[in-house]
Amino acid sequence: LLSIRVRMVLNSSLCEYTMACFILANAAMFGVHADYAVKNPGKDLPGFYRGIDLAFMVVFSVELFLRMIAAGKSFVLCSNPDFMWNLLDSFLVGFSFLEELLQLMMTNAPDVSAARLLRLLRLLRIVRVLRVLRFFKDLRVMVMGIMSSMKPLLWALLLLGLIMYSFAVLVMTFVAE
């Protein structure tokens, strides 16, 4: 009974669009973090930014937990149509917790290589923006169209390069004579 109610709430348009807004707001925060890092090199992010990051982590963790309740055992089954999304969500939430753990460990023993690893983990969170595709069918269709056109685009670029090379050789031959 609980899983049915949770599933109904999670599948509602309001919940899906709310989560999409959280994802986009989180992506906007990446830009704010990057801007701050460029304007203040060598300084740590203010506590306010860390609080916002923790709030995003809590929201995404709660959503993942609710999705686990709604799906039950099928959450981890390959036959579940949302299996890949569940895997991505679990991976990202897990990395968020790992990042927080590393952040706590780094405050005690600052290390340059650990700081680089932490920045790399922060960059991995941008992958969460891919989850927005799950909510917007038209956007998903456009992205799939672009991805599907990559192979013909590469062949077109190769053909264009061949044509440019042929004309360059032709012009060089005329100039050399």
C-alpha atoms as a PDB file:
ATOM      1  CA  LEU A   1       0.000   0.000   0.000  1.00  0.00           C
ATOM      2  CA  LEU A   2       2.830   2.402   0.893  1.00  0.00           C
ATOM      3  CA  SER A   3       4.757   1.567  -2.264  1.00  0.00           C
ATOM      4  CA  ILE A   4       1.666   2.228  -4.404  1.00  0.00           C
ATOM      5  CA  ARG A   5       1.120   5.649  -2.826  1.00  0.00           C
ATOM      6  CA  VAL A   6       4.797   6.559  -3.128  1.00  0.00           C
ATOM      7  CA  ARG A   7       4.769   5.441  -6.786  1.00  0.00           C
ATOM      8  CA  MET A   8       1.702   7.610  -7.475  1.00  0.00           C
ATOM      9  CA  VAL A   9       3.378  10.644  -5.915  1.00  0.00           C
ATOM     10  CA  LEU A  10       6.684  10.068  -7.732  1.00  0.00           C
ATOM     11  CA  ASN A  11       4.969   9.575 -11.092  1.00  0.00           C
ATOM     12  CA  SER A  12       2.872  12.712 -10.750  1.00  0.00           C
ATOM     13  CA  SER A  13       3.708  15.584 -13.076  1.00  0.00           C
ATOM     14  CA  LEU A  14       4.225  17.911 -10.124  1.00  0.00           C
ATOM     15  CA  CYS A  15       6.877  15.666  -8.583  1.00  0.00           C
ATOM     16  CA  GLU A  16       8.645  15.039 -11.890  1.00  0.00           C
ATOM     17  CA  TYR A  17       8.803  18.739 -12.772  1.00  0.00           C
ATOM     18  CA  THR A  18       9.869  19.624  -9.237  1.00  0.00           C
ATOM     19  CA  MET A  19      12.761  17.170  -9.450  1.00  0.00           C
ATOM     20  CA  ALA A  20      13.670  18.502 -12.896  1.00  0.00           C
ATOM     21  CA  CYS A  21      13.794  22.010 -11.387  1.00  0.00           C
ATOM     22  CA  PHE A  22      16.040  20.753  -8.575  1.00  0.00           C
ATOM     23  CA  ILE A  23      18.344  19.147 -11.135  1.00  0.00           C
ATOM     24  CA  LEU A  24      18.540  22.338 -13.203  1.00  0.00           C
ATOM     25  CA  ALA A  25      19.098  24.444 -10.074  1.00  0.00           C
ATOM     26  CA  ASN A  26      21.887  22.075  -9.069  1.00  0.00           C
ATOM     27  CA  ALA A  27      23.429  22.475 -12.531  1.00  0.00           C
ATOM     28  CA  ALA A  28      23.201  26.264 -12.153  1.00  0.00           C
ATOM     29  CA  MET A  29      25.081  25.954  -8.864  1.00  0.00           C
ATOM     30  CA  PHE A  30      27.945  24.271 -10.745  1.00  0.00           C
ATOM     31  CA  GLY A  31      28.284  27.476 -12.731  1.00  0.00           C
ATOM     32  CA  VAL A  32      28.157  29.581  -9.549  1.00  0.00           C
ATOM     33  CA  HIS A  33      30.858  27.376  -7.972  1.00  0.00           C
ATOM     34  CA  ALA A  34      33.045  27.636 -11.071  1.00  0.00           C
ATOM     35  CA  ASP A  35      32.592  31.426 -11.174  1.00  0.00           C
ATOM     36  CA  TYR A  36      33.569  31.738  -7.515  1.00  0.00           C
ATOM     37  CA  ALA A  37      36.608  29.487  -8.015  1.00  0.00           C
ATOM     38  CA  VAL A  38      37.822  31.618 -10.938  1.00  0.00           C
ATOM     39  CA  LYS A  39      37.281  34.916  -9.115  1.00  0.00           C
ATOM     40  CA  ASN A  40      38.810  33.654  -5.847  1.00  0.00           C
ATOM     41  CA  PRO A  41      41.657  31.276  -6.763  1.00  0.00           C
ATOM     42  CA  GLY A  42      42.965  29.145  -3.916  1.00  0.00           C
ATOM     43  CA  LYS A  43      40.062  29.940  -1.590  1.00  0.00           C
ATOM     44  CA  ASP A  44      37.550  27.408  -0.332  1.00  0.00           C
ATOM     45  CA  LEU A  45      33.879  27.812  -1.153  1.00  0.00           C
ATOM     46  CA  PRO A  46      31.909  29.731   1.479  1.00  0.00           C
ATOM     47  CA  GLY A  47      29.842  27.716   3.937  1.00  0.00           C
ATOM     48  CA  PHE A  48      26.655  28.971   2.272  1.00  0.00           C
ATOM     49  CA  TYR A  49      27.525  27.101  -0.927  1.00  0.00           C
ATOM     50  CA  ARG A  50      28.339  23.968   1.051  1.00  0.00           C
ATOM     51  CA  GLY A  51      24.938  24.200   2.753  1.00  0.00           C
ATOM     52  CA  ILE A  52      23.214  24.400  -0.621  1.00  0.00           C
ATOM     53  CA  ASP A  53      25.191  21.379  -1.850  1.00  0.00           C
ATOM     54  CA  LEU A  54      24.165  19.425   1.242  1.00  0.00           C
ATOM     55  CA  ALA A  55      20.531  20.386   0.675  1.00  0.00           C
ATOM     56  CA  PHE A  56      20.725  19.101  -2.912  1.00  0.00           C
ATOM     57  CA  MET A  57      22.328  15.894  -1.669  1.00  0.00           C
ATOM     58  CA  VAL A  58      19.511  15.386   0.838  1.00  0.00           C
ATOM     59  CA  VAL A  59      16.805  16.062  -1.779  1.00  0.00           C
ATOM     60  CA  PHE A  60      18.340  13.637  -4.289  1.00  0.00           C
ATOM     61  CA  SER A  61      18.931  11.012  -1.577  1.00  0.00           C
ATOM     62  CA  VAL A  62      15.317  11.229  -0.401  1.00  0.00           C
ATOM     63  CA  GLU A  63      14.095  10.943  -3.986  1.00  0.00           C
ATOM     64  CA  LEU A  64      16.276   7.864  -4.543  1.00  0.00           C
ATOM     65  CA  PHE A  65      15.054   6.309  -1.281  1.00  0.00           C
ATOM     66  CA  LEU A  66      11.432   6.939  -2.284  1.00  0.00           C
ATOM     67  CA  ARG A  67      12.073   5.399  -5.697  1.00  0.00           C
ATOM     68  CA  MET A  68      13.499   2.332  -3.936  1.00  0.00           C
ATOM     69  CA  ILE A  69      10.362   2.068  -1.807  1.00  0.00           C
ATOM     70  CA  ALA A  70       8.098   2.511  -4.839  1.00  0.00           C
ATOM     71  CA  ALA A  71       9.905  -0.072  -6.976  1.00  0.00           C
ATOM     72  CA  GLY A  72      10.644  -2.571  -4.233  1.00  0.00           C
ATOM     73  CA  LYS A  73      12.829  -5.479  -5.337  1.00  0.00           C
ATOM     74  CA  SER A  74      12.397  -4.560  -8.997  1.00  0.00           C
ATOM     75  CA  PHE A  75      14.521  -1.438  -8.387  1.00  0.00           C
ATOM     76  CA  VAL A  76      17.670  -3.483  -9.055  1.00  0.00           C
ATOM     77  CA  LEU A  77      16.305  -5.842 -11.705  1.00  0.00           C
ATOM     78  CA  CYS A  78      17.429  -5.435 -15.300  1.00  0.00           C
ATOM     79  CA  SER A  79      13.847  -6.091 -16.416  1.00  0.00           C
ATOM     80  CA  ASN A  80      12.788  -2.798 -14.789  1.00  0.00           C
ATOM     81  CA  PRO A  81      12.416  -0.169 -17.569  1.00  0.00           C
ATOM     82  CA  ASP A  82      13.956   2.434 -15.227  1.00  0.00           C
ATOM     83  CA  PHE A  83      16.905   0.216 -14.292  1.00  0.00           C
ATOM     84  CA  MET A  84      19.521   2.374 -16.037  1.00  0.00           C
ATOM     85  CA  TRP A  85      18.097   5.559 -14.496  1.00  0.00           C
ATOM     86  CA  ASN A  86      18.090   3.854 -11.089  1.00  0.00           C
ATOM     87  CA  LEU A  87      21.708   2.860 -11.608  1.00  0.00           C
ATOM     88  CA  LEU A  88      22.651   6.414 -12.618  1.00  0.00           C
ATOM     89  CA  ASP A  89      20.788   7.906  -9.643  1.00  0.00           C
ATOM     90  CA  SER A  90      22.409   5.457  -7.224  1.00  0.00           C
ATOM     91  CA  PHE A  91      25.844   6.166  -8.700  1.00  0.00           C
ATOM     92  CA  LEU A  92      25.408   9.952  -8.396  1.00  0.00           C
ATOM     93  CA  VAL A  93      23.999   9.866  -4.871  1.00  0.00           C
ATOM     94  CA  GLY A  94      26.791   7.489  -3.845  1.00  0.00           C
ATOM     95  CA  PHE A  95      29.383   9.866  -5.290  1.00  0.00           C
ATOM     96  CA  SER A  96      27.762  12.751  -3.414  1.00  0.00           C
ATOM     97  CA  PHE A  97      28.196  10.862  -0.155  1.00  0.00           C
ATOM     98  CA  LEU A  98      31.781   9.940  -1.109  1.00  0.00           C
ATOM     99  CA  GLU A  99      32.489  13.583  -1.863  1.00  0.00           C
ATOM    100  CA  GLU A 100      31.142  14.641   1.536  1.00  0.00           C
ATOM    101  CA  LEU A 101      33.228  11.962   3.239  1.00  0.00           C
ATOM    102  CA  LEU A 102      36.360  13.149   1.419  1.00  0.00           C
ATOM    103  CA  GLN A 103      35.492  16.746   2.287  1.00  0.00           C
ATOM    104  CA  LEU A 104      35.363  15.831   5.986  1.00  0.00           C
ATOM    105  CA  MET A 105      38.634  13.915   5.763  1.00  0.00           C
ATOM    106  CA  MET A 106      40.356  16.764   3.906  1.00  0.00           C
ATOM    107  CA  THR A 107      39.576  19.309   6.613  1.00  0.00           C
ATOM    108  CA  ASN A 108      41.806  17.312   8.963  1.00  0.00           C
ATOM    109  CA  ALA A 109      44.655  16.647   6.527  1.00  0.00           C
ATOM    110  CA  PRO A 110      44.735  18.948   3.486  1.00  0.00           C
ATOM    111  CA  ASP A 111      46.441  17.352   0.507  1.00  0.00           C
ATOM    112  CA  VAL A 112      46.779  18.728  -3.009  1.00  0.00           C
ATOM    113  CA  SER A 113      46.041  15.398  -4.730  1.00  0.00           C
ATOM    114  CA  ALA A 114      42.978  14.857  -2.534  1.00  0.00           C
ATOM    115  CA  ALA A 115      41.744  18.343  -3.459  1.00  0.00           C
ATOM    116  CA  ARG A 116      42.088  17.469  -7.144  1.00  0.00           C
ATOM    117  CA  LEU A 117      40.147  14.248  -6.603  1.00  0.00           C
ATOM    118  CA  LEU A 118      37.418  16.207  -4.837  1.00  0.00           C
ATOM    119  CA  ARG A 119      37.150  18.661  -7.743  1.00  0.00           C
ATOM    120  CA  LEU A 120      36.927  15.723 -10.153  1.00  0.00           C
ATOM    121  CA  LEU A 121      34.099  14.195  -8.101  1.00  0.00           C
ATOM    122  CA  ARG A 122      32.283  17.534  -8.187  1.00  0.00           C
ATOM    123  CA  LEU A 123      32.560  17.559 -11.969  1.00  0.00           C
ATOM    124  CA  LEU A 124      30.977  14.098 -12.119  1.00  0.00           C
ATOM    125  CA  ARG A 125      27.822  15.545 -10.566  1.00  0.00           C
ATOM    126  CA  ILE A 126      27.132  17.444 -13.787  1.00  0.00           C
ATOM    127  CA  VAL A 127      26.047  14.058 -15.178  1.00  0.00           C
ATOM    128  CA  ARG A 128      22.899  14.491 -13.066  1.00  0.00           C
ATOM    129  CA  VAL A 129      21.674  16.934 -15.723  1.00  0.00           C
ATOM    130  CA  LEU A 130      21.149  13.891 -17.960  1.00  0.00           C
ATOM    131  CA  ARG A 131      18.264  12.985 -15.672  1.00  0.00           C
ATOM    132  CA  VAL A 132      16.352  15.979 -17.027  1.00  0.00           C
ATOM    133  CA  LEU A 133      16.038  14.062 -20.300  1.00  0.00           C
ATOM    134  CA  ARG A 134      13.887  11.589 -18.432  1.00  0.00           C
ATOM    135  CA  PHE A 135      11.262  14.266 -17.779  1.00  0.00           C
ATOM    136  CA  PHE A 136      11.135  16.113 -21.089  1.00  0.00           C
ATOM    137  CA  LYS A 137      10.161  13.899 -24.005  1.00  0.00           C
ATOM    138  CA  ASP A 138      10.760  16.568 -26.672  1.00  0.00           C
ATOM    139  CA  LEU A 139      14.248  17.304 -25.342  1.00  0.00           C
ATOM    140  CA  ARG A 140      15.010  13.579 -25.265  1.00  0.00           C
ATOM    141  CA  VAL A 141      13.874  13.237 -28.896  1.00  0.00           C
ATOM    142  CA  MET A 142      16.112  16.141 -29.934  1.00  0.00           C
ATOM    143  CA  VAL A 143      19.170  14.757 -28.133  1.00  0.00           C
ATOM    144  CA  MET A 144      18.587  11.306 -29.609  1.00  0.00           C
ATOM    145  CA  GLY A 145      18.265  12.896 -33.051  1.00  0.00           C
ATOM    146  CA  ILE A 146      21.583  14.689 -32.620  1.00  0.00           C
ATOM    147  CA  MET A 147      23.257  11.520 -31.373  1.00  0.00           C
ATOM    148  CA  SER A 148      21.836   9.518 -34.276  1.00  0.00           C
ATOM    149  CA  SER A 149      23.124  12.051 -36.787  1.00  0.00           C
ATOM    150  CA  MET A 150      26.727  11.864 -35.522  1.00  0.00           C
ATOM    151  CA  LYS A 151      27.793   9.041 -37.857  1.00  0.00           C
ATOM    152  CA  PRO A 152      26.481  10.732 -41.040  1.00  0.00           C
ATOM    153  CA  LEU A 153      27.964  14.028 -39.814  1.00  0.00           C
ATOM    154  CA  LEU A 154      31.407  12.443 -39.436  1.00  0.00           C
ATOM    155  CA  TRP A 155      31.158  10.970 -42.954  1.00  0.00           C
ATOM    156  CA  ALA A 156      30.120  14.387 -44.271  1.00  0.00           C
ATOM    157  CA  LEU A 157      33.130  15.984 -42.553  1.00  0.00           C
ATOM    158  CA  LEU A 158      35.428  13.348 -44.021  1.00  0.00           C
ATOM    159  CA  LEU A 159      33.990  13.982 -47.502  1.00  0.00           C
ATOM    160  CA  LEU A 160      34.330  17.747 -47.030  1.00  0.00           C
ATOM    161  CA  GLY A 161      37.958  17.294 -45.944  1.00  0.00           C
ATOM    162  CA  LEU A 162      38.636  15.141 -49.005  1.00  0.00           C
ATOM    163  CA  ILE A 163      37.115  17.768 -51.308  1.00  0.00           C
ATOM    164  CA  MET A 164      39.142  20.559 -49.653  1.00  0.00           C
ATOM    165  CA  TYR A 165      42.323  18.482 -49.931  1.00  0.00           C
ATOM    166  CA  SER A 166      41.646  17.767 -53.624  1.00  0.00           C
ATOM    167  CA  PHE A 167      41.117  21.449 -54.388  1.00  0.00           C
ATOM    168  CA  ALA A 168      44.207  22.399 -52.372  1.00  0.00           C
ATOM    169  CA  VAL A 169      46.326  19.945 -54.373  1.00  0.00           C
ATOM    170  CA  LEU A 170      44.790  21.270 -57.614  1.00  0.00           C
ATOM    171  CA  VAL A 171      45.517  24.909 -56.675  1.00  0.00           C
ATOM    172  CA  MET A 172      49.076  24.040 -55.578  1.00  0.00           C
ATOM    173  CA  THR A 173      49.662  22.269 -58.885  1.00  0.00           C
ATOM    174  CA  PHE A 174      48.513  25.344 -60.859  1.00  0.00           C
ATOM    175  CA  VAL A 175      50.578  27.709 -58.687  1.00  0.00           C
ATOM    176  CA  ALA A 176      53.687  25.541 -59.031  1.00  0.00           C
ATOM    177  CA  GLU A 177      53.520  25.668 -62.872  1.00  0.00           C
END
